[in-house]
């Protein structure tokens, strides 16, 4: 099994650049605070991530 090496933390802007034009797949739901905390943890690990709310979510 390949050994994982630590990655440098990413900023939101760097993650957006890395993921620009790639398909985005919804995988989680939760409160805004939970999503912000998870995004910070993932970026700190050097993994590009985008989190947002799909159009029309939360209405109804």
Protein backbone atom coordinates (compact mmCIF):
# COMPACT_ATOMS: atom_id res chain seq x y z
CA UNK A 1 0.00 0.00 0.00
CA UNK A 2 1.33 3.45 -0.91
CA UNK A 3 2.26 5.72 1.95
CA UNK A 4 0.44 9.05 2.12
CA UNK A 5 2.55 12.14 2.51
CA UNK A 6 1.30 15.24 4.33
CA UNK A 7 -0.01 17.95 2.04
CA UNK A 8 0.32 21.69 2.50
CA UNK A 9 -2.88 23.41 3.64
CA UNK A 10 -4.97 24.99 0.87
CA UNK A 11 -6.92 28.23 0.85
CA UNK A 12 -10.51 28.35 -0.42
CA UNK A 13 -9.26 30.21 -3.52
CA UNK A 14 -6.62 27.55 -4.25
CA UNK A 15 -9.22 24.80 -3.91
CA UNK A 16 -11.58 26.66 -6.26
CA UNK A 17 -8.79 26.97 -8.86
CA UNK A 18 -7.88 23.28 -8.59
CA UNK A 19 -11.51 22.19 -8.96
CA UNK A 20 -12.56 24.73 -11.62
CA UNK A 21 -14.45 23.01 -14.41
CA UNK A 22 -14.58 19.63 -12.70
CA UNK A 23 -17.91 17.97 -11.86
CA UNK A 24 -19.11 18.58 -8.32
CA UNK A 25 -20.90 15.78 -6.50
CA UNK A 26 -23.11 16.44 -3.45
CA UNK A 27 -22.12 14.05 -0.70
CA UNK A 28 -23.10 15.59 2.64
CA UNK A 29 -25.76 17.54 4.38
CA UNK A 30 -25.56 19.36 7.66
CA UNK A 31 -25.70 22.71 9.36
CA UNK A 32 -23.73 25.67 8.04
CA UNK A 33 -21.43 25.48 11.07
CA UNK A 34 -20.75 21.77 10.48
CA UNK A 35 -19.98 22.40 6.81
CA UNK A 36 -17.63 25.31 7.59
CA UNK A 37 -15.79 23.22 10.18
CA UNK A 38 -15.47 20.26 7.81
CA UNK A 39 -14.27 22.50 4.95
CA UNK A 40 -11.58 23.99 7.21
CA UNK A 41 -10.40 20.51 8.27
CA UNK A 42 -10.27 19.19 4.72
CA UNK A 43 -8.42 22.27 3.40
CA UNK A 44 -5.97 22.05 6.32
CA UNK A 45 -5.18 18.50 5.17
CA UNK A 46 -4.33 19.84 1.70
CA UNK A 47 -7.39 18.34 0.03
CA UNK A 48 -9.28 20.63 -2.38
CA UNK A 49 -12.96 20.90 -1.47
CA UNK A 50 -15.91 23.09 -2.39
CA UNK A 51 -18.96 23.32 -0.20
CA UNK A 52 -22.14 25.15 -0.95
CA UNK A 53 -25.86 24.91 -1.14
CA UNK A 54 -27.61 23.69 -4.29
CA UNK A 55 -30.17 26.04 -5.88
CA UNK A 56 -33.49 25.90 -4.05
CA UNK A 57 -32.14 24.00 -1.05
CA UNK A 58 -33.74 24.85 2.25
CA UNK A 59 -36.88 26.27 0.64
CA UNK A 60 -40.10 24.46 1.01
